[in-house]
Protein backbone atom coordinates (compact mmCIF):
# COMPACT_ATOMS: atom_id res chain seq x y z
CA MET A 1 18.76 1.19 6.99
CA LYS A 2 16.02 1.65 4.40
CA LYS A 3 15.02 4.94 6.00
CA LEU A 4 18.65 6.08 6.03
CA LEU A 5 19.07 5.53 2.30
CA PHE A 6 15.87 7.37 1.47
CA ALA A 7 16.79 10.25 3.79
CA LEU A 8 20.08 11.09 2.07
CA PRO A 9 18.62 13.24 -0.74
CA LEU A 10 16.50 14.94 1.91
CA LEU A 11 19.67 15.84 3.80
CA LEU A 12 21.05 17.49 0.72
CA CYS A 13 17.90 19.47 0.08
CA ALA A 14 17.44 20.48 3.71
CA ALA A 15 20.89 22.03 3.54
CA LEU A 16 19.67 24.25 0.70
CA TRP A 17 17.42 25.83 3.22
CA ALA A 18 19.68 26.36 5.62
CA GLN A 19 38.62 16.07 6.64
CA GLN A 20 38.25 15.98 2.90
CA THR A 21 39.96 13.15 0.99
CA PRO A 22 41.15 13.89 -2.55
CA ALA A 23 38.45 13.38 -5.18
CA PRO A 24 39.23 11.46 -8.34
CA GLU A 25 38.34 14.45 -10.50
CA GLY A 26 41.45 16.29 -9.27
CA THR A 27 42.32 19.17 -7.00
CA THR A 28 40.04 21.92 -5.75
CA GLN A 29 42.56 24.75 -5.92
CA LYS A 30 40.63 28.00 -6.09
CA LEU A 31 40.67 29.95 -9.35
CA PRO A 32 42.02 33.53 -9.42
CA ALA A 33 39.32 35.98 -8.34
CA GLN A 34 39.30 37.79 -11.68
CA THR A 35 38.19 34.63 -13.47
CA ASP A 36 35.23 33.90 -11.17
CA ASP A 37 32.66 36.00 -13.04
CA ALA A 38 33.57 34.58 -16.43
CA TYR A 39 33.50 31.03 -15.09
CA ALA A 40 30.15 31.63 -13.39
CA GLN A 41 28.63 32.94 -16.62
CA GLU A 42 29.97 29.92 -18.48
CA ILE A 43 28.30 27.58 -15.98
CA ILE A 44 24.99 29.46 -16.18
CA SER A 45 25.06 29.33 -19.98
CA ARG A 46 25.82 25.64 -20.37
CA PHE A 47 23.43 24.36 -17.70
CA GLY A 48 20.71 26.76 -18.84
CA ALA A 49 20.65 24.92 -22.16
CA VAL A 50 19.70 21.60 -20.54
CA GLU A 51 16.13 20.62 -21.45
CA THR A 52 16.18 16.93 -20.53
CA LEU A 53 18.59 14.93 -18.42
CA GLN A 54 18.87 11.33 -17.35
CA SER A 55 21.62 9.55 -15.49
CA LYS A 56 22.49 6.67 -13.21
CA PHE A 57 24.26 7.17 -9.90
CA THR A 58 25.99 5.43 -7.06
CA GLN A 59 25.86 6.76 -3.53
CA GLU A 60 28.25 6.15 -0.64
CA LYS A 61 27.46 7.23 2.89
CA HIS A 62 30.66 7.27 4.96
CA LEU A 63 30.00 7.07 8.70
CA ALA A 64 32.65 7.16 11.44
CA MET A 65 30.85 4.34 13.26
CA LEU A 66 31.11 1.98 10.26
CA THR A 67 34.22 0.49 8.69
CA GLU A 68 32.59 0.28 5.25
CA PRO A 69 30.39 2.89 3.53
CA VAL A 70 26.65 2.36 3.09
CA GLU A 71 26.23 1.93 -0.66
CA SER A 72 23.22 2.30 -2.91
CA LYS A 73 22.46 2.72 -6.62
CA GLY A 74 19.78 4.47 -8.58
CA ALA A 75 18.79 6.61 -11.53
CA PHE A 76 17.00 9.84 -12.27
CA ALA A 77 15.26 11.56 -15.16
CA PHE A 78 14.52 15.27 -15.54
CA SER A 79 12.51 17.36 -17.99
CA LYS A 80 12.56 21.15 -17.79
CA LYS A 81 9.21 21.33 -19.57
CA GLY A 82 6.63 20.68 -16.91
CA ALA A 83 9.26 20.66 -14.13
CA GLN A 84 9.34 16.87 -13.99
CA LEU A 85 11.81 14.84 -11.96
CA ARG A 86 12.06 11.18 -11.07
CA TRP A 87 14.72 10.29 -8.48
CA GLU A 88 14.76 6.61 -7.60
CA TYR A 89 16.99 4.20 -5.70
CA THR A 90 17.09 0.73 -7.22
CA GLU A 91 19.57 -1.09 -4.93
CA PRO A 92 19.51 -2.35 -2.24
CA PHE A 93 15.97 -0.95 -1.83
CA GLN A 94 13.59 0.49 -4.40
CA ASN A 95 12.21 3.85 -3.37
CA GLY A 96 12.41 7.54 -4.21
CA PHE A 97 10.16 10.36 -5.29
CA LEU A 98 8.53 11.82 -8.38
CA MET A 99 7.78 15.46 -9.14
CA ASP A 100 5.35 16.24 -11.93
CA GLY A 101 4.63 19.94 -12.15
CA GLY A 102 3.01 20.97 -8.90
CA LYS A 103 2.42 17.42 -7.70
CA THR A 104 4.86 15.32 -5.68
CA TYR A 105 4.70 11.58 -5.09
CA ARG A 106 6.63 9.05 -3.04
CA LEU A 107 7.88 6.01 -4.93
CA GLU A 108 7.75 2.60 -3.29
CA LYS A 109 8.90 -0.29 -5.47
CA GLY A 110 8.02 1.73 -8.54
CA VAL A 111 4.52 2.57 -7.33
CA LYS A 112 3.78 6.26 -6.78
CA LYS A 113 1.88 7.40 -3.73
CA THR A 114 0.66 10.90 -3.07
CA VAL A 115 2.47 12.80 -0.34
CA LYS A 116 1.24 15.82 1.54
CA GLY A 117 3.04 18.71 3.13
CA VAL A 118 5.28 21.57 2.08
CA MET A 119 8.50 19.77 3.03
CA SER A 120 8.04 17.04 0.44
CA ARG A 121 7.30 19.52 -2.32
CA ASN A 122 10.26 21.69 -1.33
CA THR A 123 12.56 18.67 -1.31
CA ALA A 124 11.70 17.75 -4.89
CA ALA A 125 11.89 21.37 -6.04
CA GLN A 126 15.34 21.80 -4.51
CA MET A 127 16.60 18.65 -6.21
CA LEU A 128 15.82 20.41 -9.50
CA VAL A 129 18.14 23.21 -8.44
CA TRP A 130 20.96 20.71 -7.97
CA LEU A 131 20.54 18.53 -11.00
CA THR A 132 20.28 21.51 -13.35
CA PHE A 133 22.89 23.36 -11.29
CA ASP A 134 20.97 26.62 -10.98
CA LEU A 135 23.90 28.78 -9.89
CA LYS A 136 21.75 31.85 -9.19
CA ALA A 137 19.50 29.94 -6.81
CA LEU A 138 22.47 28.24 -5.13
CA SER A 139 24.20 31.58 -4.54
CA GLU A 140 21.29 32.72 -2.37
CA THR A 141 22.12 30.02 0.18
CA TYR A 142 25.84 29.35 -0.34
CA ASP A 143 29.12 31.17 -0.61
CA ILE A 144 30.58 29.79 -3.83
CA SER A 145 34.24 29.39 -4.69
CA TYR A 146 35.38 28.11 -8.05
CA PHE A 147 38.13 25.72 -9.05
CA GLU A 148 39.01 24.25 -12.41
CA GLY A 149 36.33 21.71 -13.14
CA GLY A 150 33.97 22.45 -10.28
CA VAL A 151 32.81 24.54 -7.35
CA THR A 152 32.82 24.45 -3.56
CA LEU A 153 29.72 25.64 -1.70
CA THR A 154 29.73 26.71 1.94
CA PRO A 155 26.39 27.38 3.69
CA LYS A 156 25.91 31.05 4.55
CA ASN A 157 23.79 30.30 7.61
CA ASP A 158 25.77 28.72 10.46
CA LYS A 159 22.72 28.09 12.64
CA ASN A 160 21.78 24.38 12.86
CA ARG A 161 24.07 23.70 9.93
CA LEU A 162 23.69 20.19 8.50
CA LEU A 163 26.69 20.40 6.17
CA ASP A 164 30.13 21.96 6.41
CA LYS A 165 30.55 22.22 2.68
CA ILE A 166 29.56 20.68 -0.62
CA THR A 167 32.04 20.05 -3.42
CA VAL A 168 30.77 19.59 -6.97
CA TRP A 169 32.76 18.29 -9.92
CA PHE A 170 31.60 18.70 -13.51
CA ALA A 171 32.01 15.80 -15.93
CA LYS A 172 35.17 16.17 -18.02
CA ASP A 173 33.54 14.63 -21.07
CA ASN A 174 30.25 16.52 -20.74
CA PRO A 175 30.32 20.10 -19.37
CA GLN A 176 26.53 20.12 -18.94
CA ALA A 177 26.59 17.23 -16.49
CA LEU A 178 27.72 16.68 -12.92
CA SER A 179 30.33 14.03 -12.24
CA GLU A 180 30.35 13.95 -8.44
CA ILE A 181 28.89 15.67 -5.41
CA ARG A 182 30.52 15.31 -2.00
CA MET A 183 28.66 16.53 1.09
CA ASP A 184 30.80 16.94 4.22
CA GLU A 185 29.03 17.00 7.58
CA PRO A 186 30.28 18.80 10.72
CA GLY A 187 31.13 15.56 12.52
CA GLY A 188 33.36 14.21 9.73
CA ASP A 189 30.82 11.94 8.03
CA TYR A 190 30.23 12.52 4.35
CA THR A 191 28.13 11.39 1.41
CA LEU A 192 29.50 10.90 -2.10
CA LEU A 193 27.31 10.77 -5.20
CA ARG A 194 28.83 9.65 -8.50
CA PHE A 195 26.91 10.09 -11.75
CA TYR A 196 27.47 8.03 -14.89
CA ASP A 197 25.82 7.06 -18.18
CA THR A 198 24.46 10.61 -18.39
CA HIS A 199 22.43 11.77 -21.40
CA ILE A 200 21.66 15.44 -22.09
CA ASN A 201 18.76 16.72 -24.21
CA GLY A 202 17.86 13.27 -25.50
CA PRO A 203 14.46 11.57 -25.57
CA LEU A 204 13.24 10.26 -22.23
CA PRO A 205 11.37 6.99 -21.71
CA LYS A 206 7.63 7.44 -22.17
CA ASP A 207 6.99 6.09 -18.68
CA ALA A 208 9.67 8.23 -16.97
CA PHE A 209 7.11 10.29 -15.05
CA LEU A 210 4.16 7.89 -14.87
């Protein structure tokens, strides 16, 4: 179970290389085509202005074989300067990873341990794409459709596809933050991330990346 919880962000990032239930943020009815470009530019502008970001999150992994979802909680902190990211689960296990410039570490109970290999570095780097919602980078891997308050991403490459689609909702009270991400898998399983207590461009804890 511990390995499953830690692997979930890796599943999301691996998909970057490569029966929906209604979400609480509302519908995903596609916007008229003529508004797509304007909406895309608006997204690029508002997320491009994010310099620091910190938030808490809950994660639910819904599996057909289980009657109840696998739940976990955590928090992350991001700083554009220095390309720093700390993504950490706090319940029911404490683990995660830390990216500090060109170095990547594994976190075990708050202690960072050096990791080797391209995959680990790519995983952390791709998380930056998501949390800052780099639309240009995402468009290289996904077909993107827009709806009021969010986007739906469908992988362009069908070969060995890990995800059917990803639906992203922006926070209604903070247009520079994500509210939810839902990742639907081919077999019907899905993962739901909900973000809360999000702070944009504020001071980060001094030990955020230590």
